[in-house]
Amino acid sequence: MQQMNGRRDADHWLDLVDAAQLVGVTRDVVAQAVLDHELRAINHHPSRPGEWLVLAVDVQLWADRVHPPVEIPVA
């Protein structure tokens, strides 16, 4: 999973494609999380009315909860 650089990035609204890329899952996985009320979304995209937007920080918190990083043992 990618790390965010400071508060500005954490407060950034992402469409579902960008949100999925941020945490390494498919758009469908993020969309299902919105439908299941695991992830808060709004539908006020400035240039694509009806497109869901999610906060980057919420996406990362959701991903950490649902898809925690795998620790690889060091040999």
N, C-alpha and C. Protein backbone atom coordinates (compact mmCIF):
# COMPACT_ATOMS: atom_id res chain seq x y z
N MET A 1 0.83 -1.16 0.00
CA MET A 1 0.00 0.00 0.00
C MET A 1 0.88 1.24 0.00
N GLN A 2 0.47 2.25 -0.73
CA GLN A 2 1.23 3.49 -0.80
C GLN A 2 1.00 4.31 0.46
N GLN A 3 1.99 5.09 0.83
CA GLN A 3 1.86 5.99 1.98
C GLN A 3 1.48 7.37 1.49
N MET A 4 0.68 8.06 2.30
CA MET A 4 0.30 9.43 1.97
C MET A 4 1.36 10.39 2.51
N ASN A 5 1.53 11.51 1.85
CA ASN A 5 2.51 12.51 2.25
C ASN A 5 1.82 13.69 2.93
N GLY A 6 1.59 13.59 4.22
CA GLY A 6 1.06 14.71 4.99
C GLY A 6 -0.44 14.86 4.95
N ARG A 7 -0.92 15.85 5.67
CA ARG A 7 -2.36 16.06 5.85
C ARG A 7 -3.07 16.40 4.54
N ARG A 8 -2.45 17.15 3.66
CA ARG A 8 -3.09 17.54 2.40
C ARG A 8 -3.54 16.31 1.62
N ASP A 9 -2.69 15.32 1.55
CA ASP A 9 -3.03 14.10 0.83
C ASP A 9 -4.11 13.31 1.55
N ALA A 10 -4.08 13.29 2.87
CA ALA A 10 -5.06 12.55 3.65
C ALA A 10 -6.46 13.14 3.46
N ASP A 11 -6.55 14.46 3.27
CA ASP A 11 -7.83 15.13 3.10
C ASP A 11 -8.29 15.17 1.65
N HIS A 12 -7.57 14.53 0.77
CA HIS A 12 -7.86 14.57 -0.66
C HIS A 12 -8.98 13.59 -1.01
N TRP A 13 -9.94 14.06 -1.81
CA TRP A 13 -11.02 13.19 -2.30
C TRP A 13 -10.54 12.45 -3.54
N LEU A 14 -10.83 11.16 -3.60
CA LEU A 14 -10.43 10.30 -4.71
C LEU A 14 -11.65 9.66 -5.34
N ASP A 15 -11.61 9.46 -6.66
CA ASP A 15 -12.65 8.63 -7.26
C ASP A 15 -12.31 7.17 -6.95
N LEU A 16 -13.20 6.25 -7.26
CA LEU A 16 -13.00 4.87 -6.84
C LEU A 16 -11.82 4.20 -7.53
N VAL A 17 -11.52 4.60 -8.75
CA VAL A 17 -10.36 4.04 -9.46
C VAL A 17 -9.07 4.45 -8.76
N ASP A 18 -8.95 5.73 -8.44
CA ASP A 18 -7.75 6.20 -7.74
C ASP A 18 -7.66 5.61 -6.33
N ALA A 19 -8.79 5.48 -5.66
CA ALA A 19 -8.80 4.88 -4.32
C ALA A 19 -8.32 3.44 -4.38
N ALA A 20 -8.78 2.71 -5.37
CA ALA A 20 -8.37 1.31 -5.52
C ALA A 20 -6.87 1.21 -5.78
N GLN A 21 -6.35 2.08 -6.62
CA GLN A 21 -4.92 2.08 -6.90
C GLN A 21 -4.10 2.42 -5.66
N LEU A 22 -4.62 3.34 -4.83
CA LEU A 22 -3.92 3.74 -3.62
C LEU A 22 -3.65 2.56 -2.70
N VAL A 23 -4.62 1.65 -2.60
CA VAL A 23 -4.48 0.54 -1.65
C VAL A 23 -4.28 -0.82 -2.31
N GLY A 24 -4.17 -0.85 -3.63
CA GLY A 24 -3.84 -2.09 -4.32
C GLY A 24 -4.96 -3.10 -4.42
N VAL A 25 -6.19 -2.61 -4.62
CA VAL A 25 -7.32 -3.51 -4.86
C VAL A 25 -8.02 -3.04 -6.13
N THR A 26 -9.08 -3.74 -6.53
CA THR A 26 -9.82 -3.33 -7.72
C THR A 26 -10.87 -2.28 -7.36
N ARG A 27 -11.34 -1.58 -8.37
CA ARG A 27 -12.41 -0.60 -8.18
C ARG A 27 -13.65 -1.28 -7.62
N ASP A 28 -13.93 -2.49 -8.08
CA ASP A 28 -15.11 -3.22 -7.61
C ASP A 28 -15.06 -3.49 -6.11
N VAL A 29 -13.87 -3.76 -5.59
CA VAL A 29 -13.72 -4.01 -4.15
C VAL A 29 -14.04 -2.74 -3.37
N VAL A 30 -13.56 -1.61 -3.84
CA VAL A 30 -13.83 -0.33 -3.17
C VAL A 30 -15.32 0.00 -3.29
N ALA A 31 -15.91 -0.20 -4.46
CA ALA A 31 -17.34 0.07 -4.65
C ALA A 31 -18.18 -0.79 -3.70
N GLN A 32 -17.80 -2.04 -3.54
CA GLN A 32 -18.55 -2.92 -2.64
C GLN A 32 -18.42 -2.45 -1.19
N ALA A 33 -17.26 -1.94 -0.82
CA ALA A 33 -17.07 -1.40 0.53
C ALA A 33 -17.99 -0.21 0.76
N VAL A 34 -18.18 0.61 -0.26
CA VAL A 34 -19.11 1.74 -0.15
C VAL A 34 -20.54 1.22 0.00
N LEU A 35 -20.92 0.26 -0.83
CA LEU A 35 -22.27 -0.30 -0.77
C LEU A 35 -22.54 -0.99 0.57
N ASP A 36 -21.51 -1.59 1.15
CA ASP A 36 -21.64 -2.29 2.44
C ASP A 36 -21.49 -1.35 3.63
N HIS A 37 -21.36 -0.05 3.37
CA HIS A 37 -21.20 0.98 4.40
C HIS A 37 -19.94 0.79 5.24
N GLU A 38 -18.92 0.16 4.64
CA GLU A 38 -17.62 0.04 5.29
C GLU A 38 -16.76 1.27 5.00
N LEU A 39 -17.13 2.00 3.96
CA LEU A 39 -16.36 3.14 3.50
C LEU A 39 -17.34 4.25 3.12
N ARG A 40 -17.12 5.42 3.70
CA ARG A 40 -17.99 6.58 3.46
C ARG A 40 -17.67 7.19 2.10
N ALA A 41 -18.72 7.57 1.37
CA ALA A 41 -18.53 8.18 0.05
C ALA A 41 -19.55 9.29 -0.16
N ILE A 42 -19.19 10.22 -1.02
CA ILE A 42 -20.13 11.24 -1.48
C ILE A 42 -20.22 11.11 -3.00
N ASN A 43 -21.23 11.71 -3.58
CA ASN A 43 -21.35 11.64 -5.04
C ASN A 43 -21.42 13.03 -5.64
N HIS A 44 -20.44 13.84 -5.30
CA HIS A 44 -20.39 15.22 -5.79
C HIS A 44 -19.13 15.48 -6.59
N HIS A 45 -18.81 14.60 -7.51
CA HIS A 45 -17.62 14.80 -8.34
C HIS A 45 -17.85 16.04 -9.20
N PRO A 46 -16.90 16.98 -9.20
CA PRO A 46 -17.11 18.24 -9.93
C PRO A 46 -17.34 18.09 -11.42
N SER A 47 -16.74 17.11 -12.06
CA SER A 47 -16.91 17.00 -13.51
C SER A 47 -17.67 15.74 -13.93
N ARG A 48 -17.99 14.86 -12.97
CA ARG A 48 -18.75 13.64 -13.30
C ARG A 48 -19.85 13.44 -12.25
N PRO A 49 -20.98 14.12 -12.40
CA PRO A 49 -22.06 14.00 -11.42
C PRO A 49 -22.46 12.54 -11.21
N GLY A 50 -22.64 12.17 -9.96
CA GLY A 50 -23.02 10.80 -9.63
C GLY A 50 -21.84 9.90 -9.33
N GLU A 51 -20.63 10.31 -9.69
CA GLU A 51 -19.43 9.51 -9.42
C GLU A 51 -19.11 9.59 -7.93
N TRP A 52 -18.89 8.44 -7.30
CA TRP A 52 -18.54 8.43 -5.88
C TRP A 52 -17.13 8.94 -5.66
N LEU A 53 -16.96 9.67 -4.57
CA LEU A 53 -15.66 10.12 -4.12
C LEU A 53 -15.48 9.68 -2.67
N VAL A 54 -14.27 9.28 -2.32
CA VAL A 54 -13.94 8.85 -0.96
C VAL A 54 -12.69 9.60 -0.50
N LEU A 55 -12.60 9.84 0.80
CA LEU A 55 -11.41 10.49 1.33
C LEU A 55 -10.24 9.51 1.37
N ALA A 56 -9.07 9.97 0.97
CA ALA A 56 -7.88 9.11 0.95
C ALA A 56 -7.61 8.51 2.32
N VAL A 57 -7.73 9.30 3.38
CA VAL A 57 -7.46 8.78 4.73
C VAL A 57 -8.45 7.67 5.09
N ASP A 58 -9.72 7.82 4.71
CA ASP A 58 -10.71 6.78 4.99
C ASP A 58 -10.37 5.49 4.23
N VAL A 59 -9.91 5.65 3.00
CA VAL A 59 -9.55 4.48 2.20
C VAL A 59 -8.39 3.73 2.86
N GLN A 60 -7.39 4.47 3.32
CA GLN A 60 -6.25 3.81 3.95
C GLN A 60 -6.64 3.14 5.26
N LEU A 61 -7.47 3.79 6.06
CA LEU A 61 -7.91 3.18 7.32
C LEU A 61 -8.74 1.93 7.04
N TRP A 62 -9.61 1.99 6.05
CA TRP A 62 -10.41 0.83 5.67
C TRP A 62 -9.50 -0.31 5.19
N ALA A 63 -8.55 0.00 4.35
CA ALA A 63 -7.65 -1.03 3.83
C ALA A 63 -6.82 -1.66 4.95
N ASP A 64 -6.36 -0.86 5.89
CA ASP A 64 -5.60 -1.41 7.02
C ASP A 64 -6.46 -2.35 7.86
N ARG A 65 -7.75 -2.03 7.96
CA ARG A 65 -8.66 -2.85 8.75
C ARG A 65 -9.04 -4.14 8.00
N VAL A 66 -9.32 -4.02 6.73
CA VAL A 66 -9.84 -5.14 5.95
C VAL A 66 -8.73 -5.98 5.30
N HIS A 67 -7.69 -5.32 4.84
CA HIS A 67 -6.58 -5.98 4.16
C HIS A 67 -5.27 -5.58 4.82
N PRO A 68 -5.03 -6.05 6.07
CA PRO A 68 -3.79 -5.62 6.73
C PRO A 68 -2.56 -6.08 5.97
N PRO A 69 -1.48 -5.29 6.04
CA PRO A 69 -0.26 -5.68 5.34
C PRO A 69 0.28 -7.00 5.86
N VAL A 70 0.81 -7.78 4.98
CA VAL A 70 1.41 -9.07 5.34
C VAL A 70 2.86 -8.86 5.72
N GLU A 71 3.23 -9.39 6.87
CA GLU A 71 4.63 -9.29 7.27
C GLU A 71 5.39 -10.48 6.72
N ILE A 72 6.50 -10.19 6.09
CA ILE A 72 7.34 -11.24 5.51
C ILE A 72 8.54 -11.44 6.44
N PRO A 73 8.69 -12.66 6.96
CA PRO A 73 9.81 -12.89 7.88
C PRO A 73 11.16 -12.71 7.17
N VAL A 74 12.09 -12.14 7.89
CA VAL A 74 13.44 -11.94 7.36
C VAL A 74 14.25 -13.20 7.66
N ALA A 75 14.90 -13.72 6.64
CA ALA A 75 15.66 -14.97 6.82
C ALA A 75 16.95 -14.73 7.57
